[in-house]
Amino acid sequence: MKKIEIAVENFDFLFGFETKKCKKFIKKLIFNILFCNNLENIKIEILKNKEKLGFDLYNFLKFLIYFKEKDISSAINLVDQYFTSEYNEDYYFSMIIYLYFLGIRLYDEIIFRDEIKNTIFLSIKYYFEGLYKESYEKLLILKNKEKYATLVEVLIFLNMIKLKFFNEAEKKIKILYKSNRKNPYFIFLISELFVKIGEYYKAYKIYKSNIYLIINNEKLRKNFLFISRKINKMDKYTYLFLNYNNIIKFTEEEIFEMGLFFHEKGDLKLACDCYKKVNPKKFPVNKMFAIVGLQTNNFKLFSESIENEKNIRGEDFELVKMNKLLSYSDIWS
């Protein structure tokens, strides 16, 4: 089987960023590992092409799968094995960057052969130490370098946010987003900036225009729910919730939040359907059932729900007030 020859311009494809000269097959594999949910099919594809991929790329893809699965010990073991061999520095560098953004900083003393990598790595270390000005200034040295150009621009953007250079940050992320529109990471970055500066409707529009890219991404979907609630534009999220709940695995947090939304709108049936699906030890659903009991004049539901909530969390001020209502017989007549 002929080995894949990878023509690259800057190795940004290793981070799922758009590049012109990397093989589409490789870009698609990396993108799918980072942003899709069905890893089993991807693992089969990688194993089937092991020889074709070659040692470095095969190991890097394995590392990304460990990273996605949060199998940190396997990821670190792979990086350590890589370091003891005649390693390809581009892949090794990228793996260490991924670990760094996970909060795993075991390789602080590494010095790379390539000065561009050393400068990027030092700027990342500065960033996580809270030295945003120093990190930003280091990155400006690389502004016109082609290698890892998108990674550098993303890091500059992150520092701009920390330094409150919001106008410059907005210009930069719009350019990055334009060339990486199908990448959920850039959807997240541009919408986070808009949230940061209070432009919630702009963030909402970004999510809404990319709805079928974000529905299977838990973090982006939760952000979309938060923003939709914030600006009281719940139609799109409600449609997804009601029509795709057999396809999308909504979290308990989302289900409870939708229960509250339906409750506020007066749809007690949908609200109760949501409350029944979440763990009462994690969310105060019994308190919400008690409120439903009060609203529907259902003494049994009200009293049992208060007792259940008390058994889980004990009495708080709100529960004490609700408990007093049990003695007012005229409420329940």
Protein backbone atom coordinates (compact mmCIF):
# COMPACT_ATOMS: atom_id res chain seq x y z
CA MET A 1 0.00 0.00 0.00
CA LYS A 2 1.45 3.36 -1.01
CA LYS A 3 2.18 5.67 1.90
CA ILE A 4 0.37 9.03 1.91
CA GLU A 5 2.61 11.91 0.92
CA ILE A 6 1.47 14.90 2.94
CA ALA A 7 1.97 18.20 1.19
CA VAL A 8 1.47 20.90 3.77
CA GLU A 9 1.94 24.61 3.93
CA ASN A 10 1.99 25.21 7.68
CA PHE A 11 0.80 22.19 9.71
CA ASP A 12 -2.32 24.03 10.90
CA PHE A 13 -4.32 21.01 9.73
CA LEU A 14 -3.06 19.17 12.83
CA PHE A 15 -5.37 21.41 14.90
CA GLY A 16 -8.36 20.96 12.59
CA PHE A 17 -7.82 24.38 11.02
CA GLU A 18 -8.38 24.88 7.30
CA THR A 19 -5.30 24.53 5.03
CA LYS A 20 -5.01 24.44 1.27
CA LYS A 21 -2.33 21.84 0.58
CA CYS A 22 -3.04 19.01 3.01
CA LYS A 23 -4.67 15.84 1.67
CA LYS A 24 -8.47 16.00 2.07
CA PHE A 25 -8.48 12.48 3.50
CA ILE A 26 -6.18 13.52 6.36
CA LYS A 27 -8.03 16.77 7.06
CA LYS A 28 -11.31 14.89 7.17
CA LEU A 29 -9.96 12.28 9.61
CA ILE A 30 -8.61 14.92 11.99
CA PHE A 31 -11.75 17.03 11.76
CA ASN A 32 -13.99 14.02 12.42
CA ILE A 33 -11.97 12.94 15.46
CA LEU A 34 -12.10 16.44 16.96
CA PHE A 35 -15.70 17.33 16.19
CA CYS A 36 -17.79 14.21 15.52
CA ASN A 37 -19.21 11.72 17.99
CA ASN A 38 -18.92 8.34 16.26
CA LEU A 39 -15.30 7.50 17.05
CA GLU A 40 -15.71 3.75 16.46
CA ASN A 41 -16.10 4.19 12.70
CA ILE A 42 -13.14 6.57 12.64
CA LYS A 43 -10.97 4.05 14.54
CA ILE A 44 -11.81 1.38 11.96
CA GLU A 45 -10.90 3.77 9.14
CA ILE A 46 -7.57 4.65 10.76
CA LEU A 47 -6.65 1.02 11.44
CA LYS A 48 -7.57 0.07 7.87
CA ASN A 49 -5.15 2.74 6.58
CA LYS A 50 -2.38 2.24 9.17
CA GLU A 51 0.32 1.38 6.67
CA LYS A 52 -0.76 4.10 4.27
CA LEU A 53 -0.74 6.71 7.05
CA GLY A 54 2.77 5.92 8.25
CA PHE A 55 4.21 5.88 11.78
CA ASP A 56 3.96 9.59 12.69
CA LEU A 57 0.50 10.31 11.37
CA TYR A 58 -0.96 7.05 12.67
CA ASN A 59 0.36 7.78 16.18
CA PHE A 60 -0.87 11.36 16.04
CA LEU A 61 -4.39 10.22 15.11
CA LYS A 62 -4.28 7.71 17.97
CA PHE A 63 -3.26 10.56 20.28
CA LEU A 64 -6.22 12.69 19.11
CA ILE A 65 -8.60 9.81 19.83
CA TYR A 66 -7.14 9.46 23.36
CA PHE A 67 -7.52 13.24 23.71
CA LYS A 68 -11.17 13.14 22.56
CA GLU A 69 -11.96 10.20 24.83
CA LYS A 70 -10.22 11.95 27.76
CA ASP A 71 -7.92 8.92 28.12
CA ILE A 72 -5.17 11.15 29.47
CA SER A 73 -2.80 8.43 30.70
CA SER A 74 -2.69 6.77 27.25
CA ALA A 75 -2.15 10.16 25.58
CA ILE A 76 0.76 10.98 27.92
CA ASN A 77 2.28 7.51 27.47
CA LEU A 78 2.19 7.95 23.71
CA VAL A 79 3.85 11.37 23.94
CA ASP A 80 6.55 9.97 26.26
CA GLN A 81 7.27 7.07 23.88
CA TYR A 82 7.45 9.51 21.03
CA PHE A 83 10.04 11.59 22.84
CA THR A 84 12.40 8.63 23.28
CA SER A 85 12.43 7.88 19.55
CA GLU A 86 13.61 9.81 16.51
CA TYR A 87 10.44 11.83 16.55
CA ASN A 88 8.85 14.12 14.00
CA GLU A 89 8.90 17.47 15.79
CA ASP A 90 5.74 18.84 14.13
CA TYR A 91 3.56 16.04 15.47
CA TYR A 92 5.28 16.01 18.85
CA PHE A 93 4.86 19.78 19.20
CA SER A 94 1.15 19.56 18.32
CA MET A 95 0.53 16.80 20.88
CA ILE A 96 2.16 18.84 23.65
CA ILE A 97 0.03 21.89 22.71
CA TYR A 98 -3.15 19.80 22.96
CA LEU A 99 -2.12 18.54 26.41
CA TYR A 100 -1.28 22.08 27.50
CA PHE A 101 -4.78 23.28 26.69
CA LEU A 102 -6.14 20.38 28.74
CA GLY A 103 -4.20 21.74 31.71
CA ILE A 104 -1.47 19.06 31.53
CA ARG A 105 1.88 20.84 31.67
CA LEU A 106 4.48 18.11 32.07
CA TYR A 107 6.80 19.31 29.34
CA ASP A 108 7.65 22.88 30.36
CA GLU A 109 11.38 22.45 29.81
CA ILE A 110 11.10 21.19 26.23
CA ILE A 111 13.24 23.03 23.68
CA PHE A 112 12.37 22.45 20.02
CA ARG A 113 14.75 22.53 17.09
CA ASP A 114 12.47 24.98 15.31
CA GLU A 115 12.51 28.53 16.73
CA ILE A 116 8.93 29.19 15.57
CA LYS A 117 7.75 26.34 17.78
CA ASN A 118 9.80 27.63 20.73
CA THR A 119 8.24 31.08 20.37
CA ILE A 120 4.68 29.68 20.14
CA PHE A 121 5.28 27.37 23.09
CA LEU A 122 6.70 30.17 25.24
CA SER A 123 3.73 32.41 24.38
CA ILE A 124 1.33 29.62 25.43
CA LYS A 125 3.17 29.20 28.73
CA TYR A 126 2.95 32.96 29.31
CA TYR A 127 -0.79 32.85 28.49
CA PHE A 128 -1.52 30.19 31.09
CA GLU A 129 0.60 32.02 33.65
CA GLY A 130 -1.60 35.09 33.16
CA LEU A 131 1.18 37.03 31.40
CA TYR A 132 -1.05 38.09 28.51
CA LYS A 133 0.96 41.12 27.43
CA GLU A 134 4.17 39.08 27.24
CA SER A 135 2.37 36.28 25.39
CA TYR A 136 0.84 38.75 22.93
CA GLU A 137 4.17 40.45 22.22
CA LYS A 138 5.88 37.10 21.60
CA LEU A 139 3.23 36.14 19.07
CA LEU A 140 3.53 39.42 17.16
CA ILE A 141 7.06 38.34 16.18
CA LEU A 142 5.45 35.53 14.17
CA LYS A 143 2.76 37.64 12.46
CA ASN A 144 4.14 37.15 8.94
CA LYS A 145 5.36 33.58 9.33
CA GLU A 146 3.49 30.97 7.33
CA LYS A 147 4.08 27.96 9.56
CA TYR A 148 1.27 27.49 12.13
CA ALA A 149 -0.20 30.78 10.91
CA THR A 150 -3.79 30.04 12.04
CA LEU A 151 -2.65 28.73 15.42
CA VAL A 152 -0.70 31.95 15.95
CA GLU A 153 -3.71 34.08 14.96
CA VAL A 154 -5.97 32.16 17.35
CA LEU A 155 -3.49 32.67 20.20
CA ILE A 156 -3.25 36.38 19.39
CA PHE A 157 -7.06 36.55 19.49
CA LEU A 158 -7.20 34.81 22.89
CA ASN A 159 -4.69 37.28 24.30
CA MET A 160 -6.62 40.22 22.82
CA ILE A 161 -9.69 39.09 24.78
CA LYS A 162 -7.71 38.92 28.02
CA LEU A 163 -6.17 42.34 27.33
CA LYS A 164 -9.65 43.75 26.48
CA PHE A 165 -8.64 44.71 22.91
CA PHE A 166 -12.21 43.90 21.88
CA ASN A 167 -12.37 45.89 18.62
CA GLU A 168 -9.18 44.32 17.30
CA ALA A 169 -10.31 40.90 18.53
CA GLU A 170 -13.60 41.21 16.65
CA LYS A 171 -11.85 42.09 13.39
CA LYS A 172 -9.46 39.17 13.78
CA ILE A 173 -12.03 36.51 14.66
CA LYS A 174 -14.29 37.56 11.78
CA ILE A 175 -11.42 36.89 9.36
CA LEU A 176 -10.62 33.54 11.02
CA TYR A 177 -14.28 32.53 11.10
CA LYS A 178 -14.72 33.38 7.41
CA SER A 179 -12.05 30.85 6.39
CA ASN A 180 -13.10 28.20 8.95
CA ARG A 181 -16.90 28.45 8.85
CA LYS A 182 -17.52 24.72 9.26
CA ASN A 183 -15.21 24.42 12.25
CA PRO A 184 -17.15 24.36 15.56
CA TYR A 185 -14.14 25.81 17.37
CA PHE A 186 -14.44 29.09 15.46
CA ILE A 187 -18.20 29.15 15.93
CA PHE A 188 -17.46 28.94 19.66
CA LEU A 189 -14.74 31.64 19.59
CA ILE A 190 -16.70 34.26 17.67
CA SER A 191 -19.88 33.71 19.69
CA GLU A 192 -17.92 33.83 22.97
CA LEU A 193 -16.51 37.22 21.98
CA PHE A 194 -20.00 38.54 21.26
CA VAL A 195 -21.21 37.25 24.65
CA LYS A 196 -18.19 38.85 26.32
CA ILE A 197 -19.04 42.28 24.89
CA GLY A 198 -22.79 41.87 25.52
CA GLU A 199 -23.78 41.36 21.86
CA TYR A 200 -26.01 38.37 22.61
CA TYR A 201 -28.13 38.68 19.48
CA LYS A 202 -25.01 38.49 17.26
CA ALA A 203 -23.93 35.35 19.13
CA TYR A 204 -27.44 33.92 18.67
CA LYS A 205 -27.30 34.55 14.91
CA ILE A 206 -23.94 32.75 14.64
CA TYR A 207 -25.35 29.68 16.40
CA LYS A 208 -28.64 29.76 14.51
CA SER A 209 -26.90 29.96 11.12
CA ASN A 210 -24.76 26.93 12.05
CA ILE A 211 -27.46 24.97 13.84
CA TYR A 212 -26.80 21.61 12.16
CA LEU A 213 -23.09 21.85 12.98
CA ILE A 214 -23.70 22.47 16.68
CA ILE A 215 -26.57 20.10 17.52
CA ASN A 216 -24.22 17.20 18.30
CA ASN A 217 -21.71 19.33 20.18
CA GLU A 218 -22.75 19.47 23.84
CA LYS A 219 -20.82 22.64 24.73
CA LEU A 220 -22.05 24.65 21.73
CA ARG A 221 -25.61 23.42 22.19
CA LYS A 222 -25.62 24.48 25.86
CA ASN A 223 -24.24 27.88 24.87
CA PHE A 224 -27.00 28.24 22.29
CA LEU A 225 -29.59 27.39 24.97
CA PHE A 226 -28.09 29.94 27.39
CA ILE A 227 -28.06 32.70 24.75
CA SER A 228 -31.56 31.83 23.51
CA ARG A 229 -32.87 32.10 27.08
CA LYS A 230 -30.95 35.33 27.63
CA ILE A 231 -32.58 37.12 24.70
CA ASN A 232 -35.91 35.24 24.99
CA LYS A 233 -35.71 33.69 21.51
CA MET A 234 -36.37 30.05 22.26
CA ASP A 235 -38.22 28.97 19.09
CA LYS A 236 -35.24 27.36 17.34
CA TYR A 237 -33.90 25.54 20.40
CA THR A 238 -37.40 24.38 21.39
CA TYR A 239 -37.90 23.00 17.88
CA LEU A 240 -34.64 21.02 18.16
CA PHE A 241 -35.52 19.80 21.64
CA LEU A 242 -38.99 18.58 20.70
CA ASN A 243 -38.18 17.13 17.28
CA TYR A 244 -34.66 15.72 17.62
CA ASN A 245 -34.70 14.20 21.11
CA ASN A 246 -34.45 10.70 19.64
CA ILE A 247 -31.29 11.68 17.74
CA ILE A 248 -29.58 14.21 20.01
CA LYS A 249 -28.45 13.11 23.47
CA PHE A 250 -29.51 16.16 25.48
CA THR A 251 -27.84 16.52 28.87
CA GLU A 252 -29.82 16.56 32.13
CA GLU A 253 -28.86 20.21 32.52
CA GLU A 254 -30.50 21.06 29.18
CA ILE A 255 -33.57 18.93 29.95
CA PHE A 256 -34.05 20.62 33.35
CA GLU A 257 -33.57 24.07 31.82
CA MET A 258 -36.20 23.26 29.18
CA GLY A 259 -38.51 22.05 31.96
CA LEU A 260 -38.18 25.46 33.61
CA PHE A 261 -38.86 27.16 30.27
CA PHE A 262 -42.03 25.12 29.62
CA HIS A 263 -43.10 25.73 33.23
CA GLU A 264 -42.72 29.49 32.80
CA LYS A 265 -44.80 29.30 29.62
CA GLY A 266 -47.54 27.42 31.47
CA ASP A 267 -47.10 24.10 29.66
CA LEU A 268 -47.10 21.96 32.81
CA LYS A 269 -47.30 18.64 30.95
CA LEU A 270 -44.09 19.28 28.99
CA ALA A 271 -42.46 20.73 32.11
CA CYS A 272 -43.25 17.60 34.14
CA ASP A 273 -42.09 15.34 31.28
CA CYS A 274 -38.71 17.10 31.50
CA TYR A 275 -38.52 17.02 35.29
CA LYS A 276 -39.13 13.25 35.28
CA LYS A 277 -36.06 12.69 33.09
CA VAL A 278 -33.47 14.27 35.40
CA ASN A 279 -31.82 13.08 38.59
CA PRO A 280 -33.55 14.72 41.61
CA LYS A 281 -30.26 14.54 43.53
CA LYS A 282 -28.62 16.82 40.95
CA PHE A 283 -31.53 19.15 40.20
CA PRO A 284 -34.35 20.43 42.47
CA VAL A 285 -37.09 18.75 40.45
CA ASN A 286 -39.11 17.80 43.55
CA LYS A 287 -39.39 21.48 44.42
CA MET A 288 -40.67 22.11 40.88
CA PHE A 289 -43.18 19.22 41.20
CA ALA A 290 -44.37 20.81 44.46
CA ILE A 291 -44.98 24.08 42.62
CA VAL A 292 -46.91 22.15 39.93
CA GLY A 293 -48.97 20.55 42.73
CA LEU A 294 -49.75 23.99 44.13
CA GLN A 295 -50.70 25.31 40.68
CA THR A 296 -52.99 22.36 39.92
CA ASN A 297 -54.50 22.05 43.40
CA ASN A 298 -52.94 18.58 43.74
CA PHE A 299 -52.33 18.17 47.48
CA LYS A 300 -50.83 14.68 47.14
CA LEU A 301 -48.23 15.80 44.56
CA PHE A 302 -47.44 18.91 46.59
CA SER A 303 -46.95 17.14 49.94
CA GLU A 304 -45.01 14.16 48.55
CA SER A 305 -42.71 16.39 46.52
CA ILE A 306 -41.89 18.58 49.53
CA GLU A 307 -41.09 15.49 51.60
CA ASN A 308 -38.90 14.05 48.82
CA GLU A 309 -37.00 17.32 48.44
CA LYS A 310 -36.52 17.57 52.21
CA ASN A 311 -35.08 14.03 52.31
CA ILE A 312 -32.54 14.90 49.63
CA ARG A 313 -31.44 18.44 50.56
CA GLY A 314 -32.97 19.22 53.92
CA GLU A 315 -35.12 22.29 54.55
CA ASP A 316 -34.18 25.63 53.06
CA PHE A 317 -36.06 28.92 53.50
CA GLU A 318 -38.19 28.36 50.40
CA LEU A 319 -39.13 24.83 51.45
CA VAL A 320 -40.11 26.03 54.95
CA LYS A 321 -42.46 28.57 53.36
CA MET A 322 -43.95 25.93 51.08
CA ASN A 323 -44.30 23.50 53.98
CA LYS A 324 -46.51 25.99 55.83
CA LEU A 325 -49.02 25.81 52.98
CA LEU A 326 -49.76 22.21 53.92
CA SER A 327 -51.70 23.42 56.97
CA TYR A 328 -53.91 25.84 55.06
CA SER A 329 -56.78 23.53 54.20
CA ASP A 330 -58.73 26.23 52.37
CA ILE A 331 -56.07 26.34 49.65
CA TRP A 332 -56.77 22.70 48.79
CA SER A 333 -60.57 22.76 49.02
